[in-house]
């Protein structure tokens, strides 16, 4: 489990990105680099880190499911993810 502060920081960044998305798009289309520099750093989408929705783990993230590899494996073994079966050959 990731630290609560890391998860909270990431959620804060997500909200800020959504808040400034329209303004950022407008400034980019005009080409106003000074205006972009005045926006908060955390409003940039590149600062967002993909994290597991359950544990907050940043590594081994599977974008299609929104889970880390560990959480994915647990859910898949229990049969909780539709269309996923354990491979055997």
PDB file of N, CA and C in Angstrom:
ATOM      1  N   UNK A   1       0.839  -1.184   0.000  1.00  0.00           N
ATOM      2  CA  UNK A   1       0.000   0.000   0.000  1.00  0.00           C
ATOM      3  C   UNK A   1       0.882   1.244   0.000  1.00  0.00           C
ATOM      4  N   UNK A   2       0.598   2.138  -0.920  1.00  0.00           N
ATOM      5  CA  UNK A   2       1.357   3.394  -1.006  1.00  0.00           C
ATOM      6  C   UNK A   2       0.982   4.305   0.154  1.00  0.00           C
ATOM      7  N   UNK A   3       1.846   5.274   0.423  1.00  0.00           N
ATOM      8  CA  UNK A   3       1.561   6.226   1.495  1.00  0.00           C
ATOM      9  C   UNK A   3       0.293   7.017   1.150  1.00  0.00           C
ATOM     10  N   UNK A   4      -0.479   7.310   2.159  1.00  0.00           N
ATOM     11  CA  UNK A   4      -1.714   8.070   1.957  1.00  0.00           C
ATOM     12  C   UNK A   4      -1.415   9.440   1.355  1.00  0.00           C
ATOM     13  N   UNK A   5      -0.286  10.018   1.736  1.00  0.00           N
ATOM     14  CA  UNK A   5       0.068  11.344   1.225  1.00  0.00           C
ATOM     15  C   UNK A   5       0.337  11.307  -0.275  1.00  0.00           C
ATOM     16  N   UNK A   6       0.944  10.223  -0.767  1.00  0.00           N
ATOM     17  CA  UNK A   6       1.213  10.092  -2.206  1.00  0.00           C
ATOM     18  C   UNK A   6      -0.079   9.987  -2.993  1.00  0.00           C
ATOM     19  N   UNK A   7      -1.009   9.211  -2.463  1.00  0.00           N
ATOM     20  CA  UNK A   7      -2.304   9.030  -3.129  1.00  0.00           C
ATOM     21  C   UNK A   7      -3.076  10.344  -3.127  1.00  0.00           C
ATOM     22  N   UNK A   8      -3.066  11.046  -2.002  1.00  0.00           N
ATOM     23  CA  UNK A   8      -3.772  12.322  -1.882  1.00  0.00           C
ATOM     24  C   UNK A   8      -3.160  13.368  -2.821  1.00  0.00           C
ATOM     25  N   UNK A   9      -1.839  13.401  -2.921  1.00  0.00           N
ATOM     26  CA  UNK A   9      -1.154  14.349  -3.796  1.00  0.00           C
ATOM     27  C   UNK A   9      -1.543  14.102  -5.253  1.00  0.00           C
ATOM     28  N   UNK A  10      -1.638  12.821  -5.613  1.00  0.00           N
ATOM     29  CA  UNK A  10      -1.998  12.471  -6.978  1.00  0.00           C
ATOM     30  C   UNK A  10      -3.439  12.878  -7.289  1.00  0.00           C
ATOM     31  N   UNK A  11      -4.341  12.680  -6.330  1.00  0.00           N
ATOM     32  CA  UNK A  11      -5.735  13.093  -6.524  1.00  0.00           C
ATOM     33  C   UNK A  11      -5.846  14.605  -6.666  1.00  0.00           C
ATOM     34  N   UNK A  12      -5.052  15.322  -5.893  1.00  0.00           N
ATOM     35  CA  UNK A  12      -5.037  16.785  -5.966  1.00  0.00           C
ATOM     36  C   UNK A  12      -4.569  17.239  -7.348  1.00  0.00           C
ATOM     37  N   UNK A  13      -3.539  16.572  -7.867  1.00  0.00           N
ATOM     38  CA  UNK A  13      -3.041  16.894  -9.201  1.00  0.00           C
ATOM     39  C   UNK A  13      -4.104  16.626 -10.259  1.00  0.00           C
ATOM     40  N   UNK A  14      -4.827  15.496 -10.116  1.00  0.00           N
ATOM     41  CA  UNK A  14      -5.887  15.153 -11.067  1.00  0.00           C
ATOM     42  C   UNK A  14      -6.940  16.248 -11.133  1.00  0.00           C
ATOM     43  N   UNK A  15      -7.360  16.710  -9.948  1.00  0.00           N
ATOM     44  CA  UNK A  15      -8.375  17.774  -9.892  1.00  0.00           C
ATOM     45  C   UNK A  15      -7.860  19.062 -10.521  1.00  0.00           C
ATOM     46  N   UNK A  16      -6.589  19.393 -10.264  1.00  0.00           N
ATOM     47  CA  UNK A  16      -6.011  20.622 -10.797  1.00  0.00           C
ATOM     48  C   UNK A  16      -5.873  20.555 -12.316  1.00  0.00           C
ATOM     49  N   UNK A  17      -5.543  19.392 -12.839  1.00  0.00           N
ATOM     50  CA  UNK A  17      -5.429  19.215 -14.288  1.00  0.00           C
ATOM     51  C   UNK A  17      -6.775  19.459 -14.949  1.00  0.00           C
ATOM     52  N   UNK A  18      -7.834  18.905 -14.364  1.00  0.00           N
ATOM     53  CA  UNK A  18      -9.176  19.106 -14.910  1.00  0.00           C
ATOM     54  C   UNK A  18      -9.603  20.570 -14.816  1.00  0.00           C
ATOM     55  N   UNK A  19      -9.224  21.229 -13.740  1.00  0.00           N
ATOM     56  CA  UNK A  19      -9.605  22.624 -13.515  1.00  0.00           C
ATOM     57  C   UNK A  19      -8.983  23.549 -14.564  1.00  0.00           C
ATOM     58  N   UNK A  20      -7.712  23.329 -14.892  1.00  0.00           N
ATOM     59  CA  UNK A  20      -6.989  24.218 -15.788  1.00  0.00           C
ATOM     60  C   UNK A  20      -6.914  23.715 -17.233  1.00  0.00           C
ATOM     61  N   UNK A  21      -7.594  22.626 -17.554  1.00  0.00           N
ATOM     62  CA  UNK A  21      -7.480  22.036 -18.894  1.00  0.00           C
ATOM     63  C   UNK A  21      -7.915  23.004 -19.991  1.00  0.00           C
ATOM     64  N   UNK A  22      -9.051  23.664 -19.818  1.00  0.00           N
ATOM     65  CA  UNK A  22      -9.560  24.576 -20.846  1.00  0.00           C
ATOM     66  C   UNK A  22      -8.622  25.770 -21.025  1.00  0.00           C
ATOM     67  N   UNK A  23      -8.187  26.341 -19.912  1.00  0.00           N
ATOM     68  CA  UNK A  23      -7.291  27.502 -19.974  1.00  0.00           C
ATOM     69  C   UNK A  23      -5.965  27.127 -20.626  1.00  0.00           C
ATOM     70  N   UNK A  24      -5.441  25.967 -20.275  1.00  0.00           N
ATOM     71  CA  UNK A  24      -4.180  25.489 -20.839  1.00  0.00           C
ATOM     72  C   UNK A  24      -4.305  25.300 -22.352  1.00  0.00           C
ATOM     73  N   UNK A  25      -5.433  24.720 -22.782  1.00  0.00           N
ATOM     74  CA  UNK A  25      -5.665  24.486 -24.207  1.00  0.00           C
ATOM     75  C   UNK A  25      -5.740  25.812 -24.961  1.00  0.00           C
ATOM     76  N   UNK A  26      -6.429  26.773 -24.375  1.00  0.00           N
ATOM     77  CA  UNK A  26      -6.579  28.097 -24.985  1.00  0.00           C
ATOM     78  C   UNK A  26      -5.216  28.790 -25.132  1.00  0.00           C
ATOM     79  N   UNK A  27      -4.420  28.764 -24.070  1.00  0.00           N
ATOM     80  CA  UNK A  27      -3.106  29.402 -24.106  1.00  0.00           C
ATOM     81  C   UNK A  27      -2.175  28.728 -25.116  1.00  0.00           C
ATOM     82  N   UNK A  28      -2.279  27.411 -25.230  1.00  0.00           N
ATOM     83  CA  UNK A  28      -1.445  26.685 -26.186  1.00  0.00           C
ATOM     84  C   UNK A  28      -1.819  27.041 -27.619  1.00  0.00           C
ATOM     85  N   UNK A  29      -3.125  27.146 -27.883  1.00  0.00           N
ATOM     86  CA  UNK A  29      -3.563  27.455 -29.248  1.00  0.00           C
ATOM     87  C   UNK A  29      -3.125  28.859 -29.674  1.00  0.00           C
ATOM     88  N   UNK A  30      -3.122  29.810 -28.730  1.00  0.00           N
ATOM     89  CA  UNK A  30      -2.682  31.171 -29.010  1.00  0.00           C
ATOM     90  C   UNK A  30      -1.155  31.233 -29.102  1.00  0.00           C
ATOM     91  N   UNK A  31      -0.481  30.356 -28.385  1.00  0.00           N
ATOM     92  CA  UNK A  31       0.979  30.336 -28.375  1.00  0.00           C
ATOM     93  C   UNK A  31       1.560  31.229 -27.294  1.00  0.00           C
ATOM     94  N   UNK A  32       0.778  31.446 -26.244  1.00  0.00           N
ATOM     95  CA  UNK A  32       1.193  32.312 -25.136  1.00  0.00           C
ATOM     96  C   UNK A  32       2.005  31.504 -24.119  1.00  0.00           C
ATOM     97  N   UNK A  33       3.315  31.452 -24.322  1.00  0.00           N
ATOM     98  CA  UNK A  33       4.170  30.673 -23.429  1.00  0.00           C
ATOM     99  C   UNK A  33       4.279  31.306 -22.046  1.00  0.00           C
ATOM    100  N   UNK A  34       4.260  32.634 -21.989  1.00  0.00           N
ATOM    101  CA  UNK A  34       4.318  33.323 -20.693  1.00  0.00           C
ATOM    102  C   UNK A  34       3.100  32.969 -19.846  1.00  0.00           C
ATOM    103  N   UNK A  35       1.944  32.934 -20.475  1.00  0.00           N
ATOM    104  CA  UNK A  35       0.709  32.562 -19.764  1.00  0.00           C
ATOM    105  C   UNK A  35       0.775  31.138 -19.239  1.00  0.00           C
ATOM    106  N   UNK A  36       1.356  30.248 -20.042  1.00  0.00           N
ATOM    107  CA  UNK A  36       1.513  28.850 -19.613  1.00  0.00           C
ATOM    108  C   UNK A  36       2.452  28.749 -18.417  1.00  0.00           C
ATOM    109  N   UNK A  37       3.504  29.569 -18.404  1.00  0.00           N
ATOM    110  CA  UNK A  37       4.460  29.532 -17.295  1.00  0.00           C
ATOM    111  C   UNK A  37       3.827  30.033 -15.996  1.00  0.00           C
ATOM    112  N   UNK A  38       2.805  30.890 -16.111  1.00  0.00           N
ATOM    113  CA  UNK A  38       2.156  31.424 -14.914  1.00  0.00           C
ATOM    114  C   UNK A  38       1.174  30.442 -14.279  1.00  0.00           C
ATOM    115  N   UNK A  39       0.775  29.422 -15.029  1.00  0.00           N
ATOM    116  CA  UNK A  39      -0.134  28.411 -14.471  1.00  0.00           C
ATOM    117  C   UNK A  39       0.612  27.568 -13.441  1.00  0.00           C
ATOM    118  N   UNK A  40      -0.108  26.968 -12.497  1.00  0.00           N
ATOM    119  CA  UNK A  40       0.555  26.103 -11.501  1.00  0.00           C
ATOM    120  C   UNK A  40       1.227  24.893 -12.169  1.00  0.00           C
ATOM    121  N   UNK A  41       2.330  24.475 -11.604  1.00  0.00           N
ATOM    122  CA  UNK A  41       3.064  23.330 -12.160  1.00  0.00           C
ATOM    123  C   UNK A  41       2.207  22.068 -12.186  1.00  0.00           C
ATOM    124  N   UNK A  42       1.451  21.850 -11.128  1.00  0.00           N
ATOM    125  CA  UNK A  42       0.666  20.621 -11.035  1.00  0.00           C
ATOM    126  C   UNK A  42      -0.535  20.599 -11.975  1.00  0.00           C
ATOM    127  N   UNK A  43      -0.759  21.669 -12.724  1.00  0.00           N
ATOM    128  CA  UNK A  43      -1.858  21.670 -13.683  1.00  0.00           C
ATOM    129  C   UNK A  43      -1.432  21.051 -15.014  1.00  0.00           C
ATOM    130  N   UNK A  44      -0.158  20.692 -15.129  1.00  0.00           N
ATOM    131  CA  UNK A  44       0.341  20.054 -16.343  1.00  0.00           C
ATOM    132  C   UNK A  44       0.034  18.554 -16.316  1.00  0.00           C
ATOM    133  N   UNK A  45      -0.562  18.026 -17.381  1.00  0.00           N
ATOM    134  CA  UNK A  45      -0.910  16.596 -17.401  1.00  0.00           C
ATOM    135  C   UNK A  45       0.285  15.656 -17.311  1.00  0.00           C
ATOM    136  N   UNK A  46       1.481  16.132 -17.661  1.00  0.00           N
ATOM    137  CA  UNK A  46       2.649  15.248 -17.619  1.00  0.00           C
ATOM    138  C   UNK A  46       3.094  14.957 -16.188  1.00  0.00           C
ATOM    139  N   UNK A  47       2.624  15.740 -15.225  1.00  0.00           N
ATOM    140  CA  UNK A  47       3.010  15.511 -13.826  1.00  0.00           C
ATOM    141  C   UNK A  47       2.144  14.452 -13.150  1.00  0.00           C
ATOM    142  N   UNK A  48       1.118  13.988 -13.838  1.00  0.00           N
ATOM    143  CA  UNK A  48       0.231  12.966 -13.284  1.00  0.00           C
ATOM    144  C   UNK A  48       0.888  11.596 -13.393  1.00  0.00           C
ATOM    145  N   UNK A  49       0.814  10.827 -12.325  1.00  0.00           N
ATOM    146  CA  UNK A  49       1.395   9.482 -12.293  1.00  0.00           C
ATOM    147  C   UNK A  49       0.268   8.465 -12.245  1.00  0.00           C
ATOM    148  N   UNK A  50       0.321   7.469 -13.116  1.00  0.00           N
ATOM    149  CA  UNK A  50      -0.681   6.409 -13.081  1.00  0.00           C
ATOM    150  C   UNK A  50      -0.467   5.574 -11.825  1.00  0.00           C
ATOM    151  N   UNK A  51      -1.535   5.395 -11.066  1.00  0.00           N
ATOM    152  CA  UNK A  51      -1.462   4.606  -9.837  1.00  0.00           C
ATOM    153  C   UNK A  51      -2.607   3.608  -9.786  1.00  0.00           C
ATOM    154  N   UNK A  52      -2.381   2.506  -9.105  1.00  0.00           N
ATOM    155  CA  UNK A  52      -3.407   1.497  -8.901  1.00  0.00           C
ATOM    156  C   UNK A  52      -4.562   2.117  -8.114  1.00  0.00           C
ATOM    157  N   UNK A  53      -5.791   1.844  -8.533  1.00  0.00           N
ATOM    158  CA  UNK A  53      -6.952   2.426  -7.863  1.00  0.00           C
ATOM    159  C   UNK A  53      -7.163   1.837  -6.471  1.00  0.00           C
ATOM    160  N   UNK A  54      -6.690   0.631  -6.245  1.00  0.00           N
ATOM    161  CA  UNK A  54      -6.863  -0.015  -4.937  1.00  0.00           C
ATOM    162  C   UNK A  54      -5.745   0.322  -3.956  1.00  0.00           C
ATOM    163  N   UNK A  55      -4.515   0.082  -4.387  1.00  0.00           N
ATOM    164  CA  UNK A  55      -3.382   0.188  -3.473  1.00  0.00           C
ATOM    165  C   UNK A  55      -2.581   1.465  -3.621  1.00  0.00           C
ATOM    166  N   UNK A  56      -2.707   2.148  -4.760  1.00  0.00           N
ATOM    167  CA  UNK A  56      -1.931   3.359  -4.991  1.00  0.00           C
ATOM    168  C   UNK A  56      -0.527   3.074  -5.483  1.00  0.00           C
ATOM    169  N   UNK A  57      -0.244   1.824  -5.812  1.00  0.00           N
ATOM    170  CA  UNK A  57       1.087   1.430  -6.273  1.00  0.00           C
ATOM    171  C   UNK A  57       1.384   2.067  -7.630  1.00  0.00           C
ATOM    172  N   UNK A  58       2.539   2.756  -7.769  1.00  0.00           N
ATOM    173  CA  UNK A  58       2.848   3.432  -9.034  1.00  0.00           C
ATOM    174  C   UNK A  58       3.522   2.542 -10.080  1.00  0.00           C
ATOM    175  N   UNK A  59       4.132   1.451  -9.646  1.00  0.00           N
ATOM    176  CA  UNK A  59       4.834   0.600 -10.605  1.00  0.00           C
ATOM    177  C   UNK A  59       3.991  -0.606 -10.980  1.00  0.00           C
ATOM    178  N   UNK A  60       4.224  -1.154 -12.144  1.00  0.00           N
ATOM    179  CA  UNK A  60       3.494  -2.327 -12.599  1.00  0.00           C
ATOM    180  C   UNK A  60       2.034  -2.016 -12.842  1.00  0.00           C
ATOM    181  N   UNK A  61       1.742  -0.803 -13.334  1.00  0.00           N
ATOM    182  CA  UNK A  61       0.369  -0.352 -13.555  1.00  0.00           C
ATOM    183  C   UNK A  61      -0.132  -0.863 -14.901  1.00  0.00           C
ATOM    184  N   UNK A  62      -1.325  -1.444 -14.912  1.00  0.00           N
ATOM    185  CA  UNK A  62      -1.938  -1.924 -16.155  1.00  0.00           C
ATOM    186  C   UNK A  62      -3.046  -0.949 -16.525  1.00  0.00           C
ATOM    187  N   UNK A  63      -2.788  -0.153 -17.548  1.00  0.00           N
ATOM    188  CA  UNK A  63      -3.678   0.942 -17.931  1.00  0.00           C
ATOM    189  C   UNK A  63      -5.083   0.462 -18.284  1.00  0.00           C
ATOM    190  N   UNK A  64      -5.194  -0.671 -18.944  1.00  0.00           N
ATOM    191  CA  UNK A  64      -6.488  -1.191 -19.398  1.00  0.00           C
ATOM    192  C   UNK A  64      -7.428  -1.486 -18.221  1.00  0.00           C
ATOM    193  N   UNK A  65      -6.862  -1.852 -17.078  1.00  0.00           N
ATOM    194  CA  UNK A  65      -7.672  -2.227 -15.929  1.00  0.00           C
ATOM    195  C   UNK A  65      -7.603  -1.226 -14.788  1.00  0.00           C
ATOM    196  N   UNK A  66      -6.608  -0.348 -14.795  1.00  0.00           N
ATOM    197  CA  UNK A  66      -6.456   0.640 -13.731  1.00  0.00           C
ATOM    198  C   UNK A  66      -5.935   0.024 -12.443  1.00  0.00           C
ATOM    199  N   UNK A  67      -5.282  -1.130 -12.558  1.00  0.00           N
ATOM    200  CA  UNK A  67      -4.770  -1.851 -11.393  1.00  0.00           C
ATOM    201  C   UNK A  67      -3.280  -2.129 -11.551  1.00  0.00           C
ATOM    202  N   UNK A  68      -2.626  -2.380 -10.424  1.00  0.00           N
ATOM    203  CA  UNK A  68      -1.239  -2.823 -10.485  1.00  0.00           C
ATOM    204  C   UNK A  68      -1.248  -4.310 -10.821  1.00  0.00           C
ATOM    205  N   UNK A  69      -0.091  -4.818 -11.184  1.00  0.00           N
ATOM    206  CA  UNK A  69       0.001  -6.229 -11.582  1.00  0.00           C
ATOM    207  C   UNK A  69      -0.407  -7.158 -10.444  1.00  0.00           C
ATOM    208  N   UNK A  70      -0.122  -6.751  -9.215  1.00  0.00           N
ATOM    209  CA  UNK A  70      -0.428  -7.590  -8.060  1.00  0.00           C
ATOM    210  C   UNK A  70      -1.936  -7.656  -7.822  1.00  0.00           C
ATOM    211  N   UNK A  71      -2.583  -6.492  -7.827  1.00  0.00           N
ATOM    212  CA  UNK A  71      -4.035  -6.439  -7.647  1.00  0.00           C
ATOM    213  C   UNK A  71      -4.740  -7.138  -8.795  1.00  0.00           C
ATOM    214  N   UNK A  72      -4.221  -6.942 -10.003  1.00  0.00           N
ATOM    215  CA  UNK A  72      -4.801  -7.585 -11.178  1.00  0.00           C
ATOM    216  C   UNK A  72      -4.783  -9.100 -11.029  1.00  0.00           C
ATOM    217  N   UNK A  73      -3.643  -9.622 -10.579  1.00  0.00           N
ATOM    218  CA  UNK A  73      -3.499 -11.074 -10.442  1.00  0.00           C
ATOM    219  C   UNK A  73      -4.468 -11.628  -9.400  1.00  0.00           C
ATOM    220  N   UNK A  74      -4.625 -10.916  -8.290  1.00  0.00           N
ATOM    221  CA  UNK A  74      -5.552 -11.358  -7.245  1.00  0.00           C
ATOM    222  C   UNK A  74      -6.985 -11.420  -7.767  1.00  0.00           C
ATOM    223  N   UNK A  75      -7.409 -10.353  -8.453  1.00  0.00           N
ATOM    224  CA  UNK A  75      -8.778 -10.302  -8.975  1.00  0.00           C
ATOM    225  C   UNK A  75      -8.998 -11.327 -10.082  1.00  0.00           C
ATOM    226  N   UNK A  76      -7.988 -11.512 -10.926  1.00  0.00           N
ATOM    227  CA  UNK A  76      -8.112 -12.478 -12.014  1.00  0.00           C
ATOM    228  C   UNK A  76      -8.203 -13.903 -11.464  1.00  0.00           C
ATOM    229  N   UNK A  77      -7.447 -14.198 -10.431  1.00  0.00           N
ATOM    230  CA  UNK A  77      -7.484 -15.540  -9.837  1.00  0.00           C
ATOM    231  C   UNK A  77      -8.839 -15.842  -9.215  1.00  0.00           C
ATOM    232  N   UNK A  78      -9.459 -14.823  -8.662  1.00  0.00           N
ATOM    233  CA  UNK A  78     -10.783 -14.994  -8.056  1.00  0.00           C
ATOM    234  C   UNK A  78     -11.894 -15.005  -9.102  1.00  0.00           C
ATOM    235  N   UNK A  79     -11.559 -14.641 -10.354  1.00  0.00           N
ATOM    236  CA  UNK A  79     -12.554 -14.605 -11.424  1.00  0.00           C
ATOM    237  C   UNK A  79     -13.408 -13.351 -11.388  1.00  0.00           C
ATOM    238  N   UNK A  80     -12.889 -12.285 -10.818  1.00  0.00           N
ATOM    239  CA  UNK A  80     -13.663 -11.043 -10.687  1.00  0.00           C
ATOM    240  C   UNK A  80     -13.525 -10.118 -11.890  1.00  0.00           C
ATOM    241  N   UNK A  81     -12.603 -10.434 -12.812  1.00  0.00           N
ATOM    242  CA  UNK A  81     -12.434  -9.613 -14.013  1.00  0.00           C
ATOM    243  C   UNK A  81     -13.004 -10.404 -15.191  1.00  0.00           C
ATOM    244  N   UNK A  82     -14.082  -9.885 -15.810  1.00  0.00           N
ATOM    245  CA  UNK A  82     -14.718 -10.611 -16.902  1.00  0.00           C
ATOM    246  C   UNK A  82     -13.783 -10.778 -18.103  1.00  0.00           C
ATOM    247  N   UNK A  83     -13.775 -11.984 -18.676  1.00  0.00           N
ATOM    248  CA  UNK A  83     -12.986 -12.259 -19.871  1.00  0.00           C
ATOM    249  C   UNK A  83     -11.543 -12.627 -19.602  1.00  0.00           C
ATOM    250  N   UNK A  84     -11.133 -12.645 -18.363  1.00  0.00           N
ATOM    251  CA  UNK A  84      -9.742 -12.989 -18.023  1.00  0.00           C
ATOM    252  C   UNK A  84      -9.726 -14.355 -17.366  1.00  0.00           C
ATOM    253  N   UNK A  85      -8.937 -15.265 -17.935  1.00  0.00           N
ATOM    254  CA  UNK A  85      -8.782 -16.580 -17.334  1.00  0.00           C
ATOM    255  C   UNK A  85      -7.301 -16.891 -17.185  1.00  0.00           C
ATOM    256  N   UNK A  86      -6.988 -17.733 -16.232  1.00  0.00           N
ATOM    257  CA  UNK A  86      -5.597 -18.111 -16.011  1.00  0.00           C
ATOM    258  C   UNK A  86      -5.153 -19.026 -17.146  1.00  0.00           C
ATOM    259  N   UNK A  87      -4.011 -18.693 -17.676  1.00  0.00           N
ATOM    260  CA  UNK A  87      -3.489 -19.452 -18.810  1.00  0.00           C
ATOM    261  C   UNK A  87      -2.829 -20.751 -18.331  1.00  0.00           C
ATOM    262  N   UNK A  88      -3.045 -21.821 -19.111  1.00  0.00           N
ATOM    263  CA  UNK A  88      -2.338 -23.076 -18.846  1.00  0.00           C
ATOM    264  C   UNK A  88      -2.162 -23.809 -20.156  1.00  0.00           C
ATOM    265  N   UNK A  89      -0.971 -24.341 -20.370  1.00  0.00           N
ATOM    266  CA  UNK A  89      -0.703 -25.074 -21.609  1.00  0.00           C
ATOM    267  C   UNK A  89       0.229 -26.226 -21.381  1.00  0.00           C
TER     268      UNK A  89
END
